[in-house]
């Protein structure tokens, strides 16, 4: 459930190191938890059997959150 919420209601999408991949950051305000999701997006040139895929998902701390936002290119930010 948290994974779906992180993707659907994301706070940031950041550029990742690999092609067709993004870093999604989500803070759940109710309890102050922060999450990081690495998502691989299917593109037209991929084989038909490829799908959008969560490559990793984990809870992160404030320091890691700030470091990601500061050091990676922001592709999307919730306003």
N, C-alpha and C. Protein backbone atom coordinates (compact mmCIF):
# COMPACT_ATOMS: atom_id res chain seq x y z
N UNK A 1 0.82 -1.19 0.00
CA UNK A 1 0.00 0.00 0.00
C UNK A 1 0.87 1.26 0.00
N UNK A 2 1.92 1.29 0.83
CA UNK A 2 2.79 2.46 0.87
C UNK A 2 3.50 2.67 -0.45
N UNK A 3 3.87 1.59 -1.13
CA UNK A 3 4.53 1.72 -2.42
C UNK A 3 3.62 2.42 -3.43
N UNK A 4 2.36 2.00 -3.47
CA UNK A 4 1.41 2.62 -4.39
C UNK A 4 1.22 4.09 -4.09
N UNK A 5 1.11 4.42 -2.79
CA UNK A 5 0.93 5.81 -2.39
C UNK A 5 2.17 6.64 -2.77
N UNK A 6 3.34 6.08 -2.60
CA UNK A 6 4.57 6.80 -2.94
C UNK A 6 4.61 7.15 -4.42
N UNK A 7 4.17 6.26 -5.25
CA UNK A 7 4.21 6.49 -6.69
C UNK A 7 3.08 7.44 -7.11
N UNK A 8 1.90 7.19 -6.62
CA UNK A 8 0.72 7.98 -7.01
C UNK A 8 0.79 9.41 -6.46
N UNK A 9 1.19 9.58 -5.21
CA UNK A 9 1.17 10.87 -4.52
C UNK A 9 2.58 11.36 -4.20
N UNK A 10 3.48 11.20 -5.12
CA UNK A 10 4.90 11.51 -4.89
C UNK A 10 5.13 12.98 -4.60
N UNK A 11 6.21 13.24 -3.86
CA UNK A 11 6.63 14.61 -3.59
C UNK A 11 7.68 15.07 -4.59
N UNK A 12 8.55 14.16 -4.99
CA UNK A 12 9.60 14.46 -5.97
C UNK A 12 9.79 13.28 -6.92
N UNK A 13 10.18 13.61 -8.15
CA UNK A 13 10.76 12.63 -9.06
C UNK A 13 12.13 13.21 -9.42
N UNK A 14 13.16 12.42 -9.18
CA UNK A 14 14.53 12.85 -9.43
C UNK A 14 15.16 12.01 -10.52
N UNK A 15 16.09 12.59 -11.23
CA UNK A 15 16.81 11.85 -12.27
C UNK A 15 17.65 10.76 -11.62
N UNK A 16 17.63 9.59 -12.20
CA UNK A 16 18.44 8.47 -11.70
C UNK A 16 19.66 8.28 -12.59
N UNK A 17 20.53 7.38 -12.18
CA UNK A 17 21.77 7.13 -12.91
C UNK A 17 21.59 6.26 -14.15
N UNK A 18 20.50 5.52 -14.23
CA UNK A 18 20.28 4.59 -15.34
C UNK A 18 19.17 5.10 -16.25
N UNK A 19 19.22 4.74 -17.53
CA UNK A 19 18.18 5.19 -18.47
C UNK A 19 16.80 4.66 -18.08
N UNK A 20 15.78 5.46 -18.35
CA UNK A 20 14.37 5.07 -18.14
C UNK A 20 14.07 4.75 -16.68
N UNK A 21 14.83 5.34 -15.78
CA UNK A 21 14.69 5.06 -14.35
C UNK A 21 14.60 6.38 -13.60
N UNK A 22 13.74 6.42 -12.59
CA UNK A 22 13.60 7.62 -11.78
C UNK A 22 13.62 7.29 -10.31
N UNK A 23 13.96 8.29 -9.51
CA UNK A 23 13.94 8.18 -8.05
C UNK A 23 12.72 8.96 -7.58
N UNK A 24 11.85 8.29 -6.84
CA UNK A 24 10.64 8.92 -6.32
C UNK A 24 10.81 9.08 -4.81
N UNK A 25 10.55 10.29 -4.31
CA UNK A 25 10.60 10.54 -2.88
C UNK A 25 9.21 10.91 -2.40
N UNK A 26 8.83 10.35 -1.23
CA UNK A 26 7.51 10.61 -0.66
C UNK A 26 7.63 10.71 0.85
N UNK A 27 7.09 11.80 1.41
CA UNK A 27 7.00 11.93 2.87
C UNK A 27 5.55 11.72 3.27
N UNK A 28 5.33 10.83 4.22
CA UNK A 28 3.99 10.60 4.77
C UNK A 28 3.90 11.45 6.03
N UNK A 29 3.16 12.52 5.95
CA UNK A 29 3.16 13.54 6.99
C UNK A 29 2.58 13.08 8.31
N UNK A 30 1.67 12.12 8.30
CA UNK A 30 1.01 11.67 9.52
C UNK A 30 2.01 11.20 10.58
N UNK A 31 3.05 10.50 10.13
CA UNK A 31 4.01 9.96 11.09
C UNK A 31 5.46 10.34 10.77
N UNK A 32 5.64 11.27 9.84
CA UNK A 32 6.97 11.78 9.53
C UNK A 32 7.89 10.81 8.80
N UNK A 33 7.35 9.71 8.30
CA UNK A 33 8.18 8.75 7.57
C UNK A 33 8.47 9.27 6.17
N UNK A 34 9.67 8.96 5.69
CA UNK A 34 10.07 9.32 4.34
C UNK A 34 10.48 8.05 3.61
N UNK A 35 10.12 7.97 2.33
CA UNK A 35 10.41 6.78 1.54
C UNK A 35 11.07 7.15 0.23
N UNK A 36 11.86 6.22 -0.27
CA UNK A 36 12.54 6.37 -1.55
C UNK A 36 12.22 5.14 -2.39
N UNK A 37 11.78 5.37 -3.63
CA UNK A 37 11.43 4.30 -4.55
C UNK A 37 12.25 4.50 -5.82
N UNK A 38 12.87 3.43 -6.31
CA UNK A 38 13.53 3.47 -7.60
C UNK A 38 12.60 2.77 -8.58
N UNK A 39 12.17 3.49 -9.61
CA UNK A 39 11.17 2.99 -10.55
C UNK A 39 11.76 2.95 -11.95
N UNK A 40 11.63 1.81 -12.61
CA UNK A 40 12.05 1.64 -14.01
C UNK A 40 10.79 1.71 -14.85
N UNK A 41 10.75 2.64 -15.80
CA UNK A 41 9.56 2.88 -16.62
C UNK A 41 9.74 2.20 -17.98
N UNK A 42 8.71 1.48 -18.41
CA UNK A 42 8.71 0.85 -19.73
C UNK A 42 8.65 1.94 -20.80
N UNK A 43 9.49 1.79 -21.81
CA UNK A 43 9.48 2.73 -22.93
C UNK A 43 9.19 1.96 -24.22
N UNK A 44 8.87 2.69 -25.26
CA UNK A 44 8.45 2.09 -26.52
C UNK A 44 9.47 1.11 -27.10
N UNK A 45 10.74 1.37 -26.92
CA UNK A 45 11.78 0.51 -27.50
C UNK A 45 12.03 -0.78 -26.70
N UNK A 46 11.40 -0.92 -25.54
CA UNK A 46 11.56 -2.13 -24.72
C UNK A 46 10.82 -3.31 -25.33
N UNK A 47 11.25 -4.52 -25.03
CA UNK A 47 10.48 -5.71 -25.46
C UNK A 47 9.07 -5.67 -24.90
N UNK A 48 8.14 -6.27 -25.59
CA UNK A 48 6.71 -6.24 -25.22
C UNK A 48 6.45 -6.76 -23.81
N UNK A 49 7.26 -7.71 -23.34
CA UNK A 49 7.02 -8.30 -22.02
C UNK A 49 7.49 -7.42 -20.86
N UNK A 50 8.22 -6.35 -21.13
CA UNK A 50 8.66 -5.43 -20.07
C UNK A 50 7.47 -4.68 -19.50
N UNK A 51 7.55 -4.35 -18.22
CA UNK A 51 6.53 -3.57 -17.52
C UNK A 51 7.22 -2.50 -16.69
N UNK A 52 6.47 -1.49 -16.25
CA UNK A 52 6.99 -0.58 -15.24
C UNK A 52 7.33 -1.41 -14.02
N UNK A 53 8.46 -1.15 -13.38
CA UNK A 53 8.91 -2.01 -12.29
C UNK A 53 9.51 -1.20 -11.15
N UNK A 54 9.16 -1.57 -9.92
CA UNK A 54 9.82 -1.01 -8.75
C UNK A 54 11.10 -1.82 -8.55
N UNK A 55 12.24 -1.14 -8.64
CA UNK A 55 13.52 -1.81 -8.48
C UNK A 55 13.93 -1.89 -7.01
N UNK A 56 13.60 -0.85 -6.25
CA UNK A 56 13.88 -0.89 -4.81
C UNK A 56 12.95 0.09 -4.10
N UNK A 57 12.74 -0.16 -2.82
CA UNK A 57 11.83 0.64 -2.00
C UNK A 57 12.34 0.57 -0.57
N UNK A 58 12.58 1.71 0.04
CA UNK A 58 13.02 1.69 1.42
C UNK A 58 12.68 2.99 2.13
N UNK A 59 12.65 2.91 3.46
CA UNK A 59 12.45 4.08 4.30
C UNK A 59 13.80 4.77 4.46
N UNK A 60 13.80 6.11 4.38
CA UNK A 60 15.05 6.85 4.50
C UNK A 60 14.92 7.92 5.58
N UNK A 61 16.04 8.43 6.03
CA UNK A 61 16.06 9.48 7.04
C UNK A 61 16.12 10.87 6.42
N UNK A 62 16.03 11.86 7.26
CA UNK A 62 16.03 13.26 6.84
C UNK A 62 17.30 13.63 6.08
N UNK A 63 18.45 13.15 6.54
CA UNK A 63 19.72 13.48 5.90
C UNK A 63 19.77 12.94 4.47
N UNK A 64 19.36 11.71 4.27
CA UNK A 64 19.35 11.10 2.94
C UNK A 64 18.36 11.83 2.04
N UNK A 65 17.20 12.18 2.57
CA UNK A 65 16.19 12.93 1.82
C UNK A 65 16.80 14.24 1.29
N UNK A 66 17.39 15.02 2.20
CA UNK A 66 17.96 16.32 1.82
C UNK A 66 19.09 16.16 0.81
N UNK A 67 19.92 15.14 1.00
CA UNK A 67 21.04 14.89 0.09
C UNK A 67 20.53 14.58 -1.32
N UNK A 68 19.51 13.75 -1.41
CA UNK A 68 18.93 13.40 -2.72
C UNK A 68 18.37 14.63 -3.41
N UNK A 69 17.61 15.45 -2.70
CA UNK A 69 16.99 16.63 -3.28
C UNK A 69 18.06 17.63 -3.71
N UNK A 70 19.10 17.75 -2.93
CA UNK A 70 20.17 18.71 -3.24
C UNK A 70 21.04 18.27 -4.41
N UNK A 71 21.36 16.98 -4.49
CA UNK A 71 22.38 16.50 -5.42
C UNK A 71 21.85 15.92 -6.72
N UNK A 72 20.58 15.65 -6.83
CA UNK A 72 20.03 15.06 -8.05
C UNK A 72 19.17 16.08 -8.79
N UNK A 73 19.08 15.91 -10.08
CA UNK A 73 18.25 16.80 -10.90
C UNK A 73 16.78 16.53 -10.61
N UNK A 74 16.04 17.58 -10.26
CA UNK A 74 14.62 17.45 -9.96
C UNK A 74 13.82 17.50 -11.27
N UNK A 75 13.08 16.43 -11.55
CA UNK A 75 12.24 16.36 -12.73
C UNK A 75 10.81 16.78 -12.43
N UNK A 76 10.40 16.60 -11.19
CA UNK A 76 9.05 16.95 -10.76
C UNK A 76 9.10 17.27 -9.27
N UNK A 77 8.37 18.31 -8.86
CA UNK A 77 8.23 18.65 -7.44
C UNK A 77 6.79 19.02 -7.18
N UNK A 78 6.21 18.40 -6.16
CA UNK A 78 4.83 18.72 -5.79
C UNK A 78 4.79 20.17 -5.28
N UNK A 79 3.87 20.93 -5.79
CA UNK A 79 3.74 22.35 -5.39
C UNK A 79 2.66 22.52 -4.37
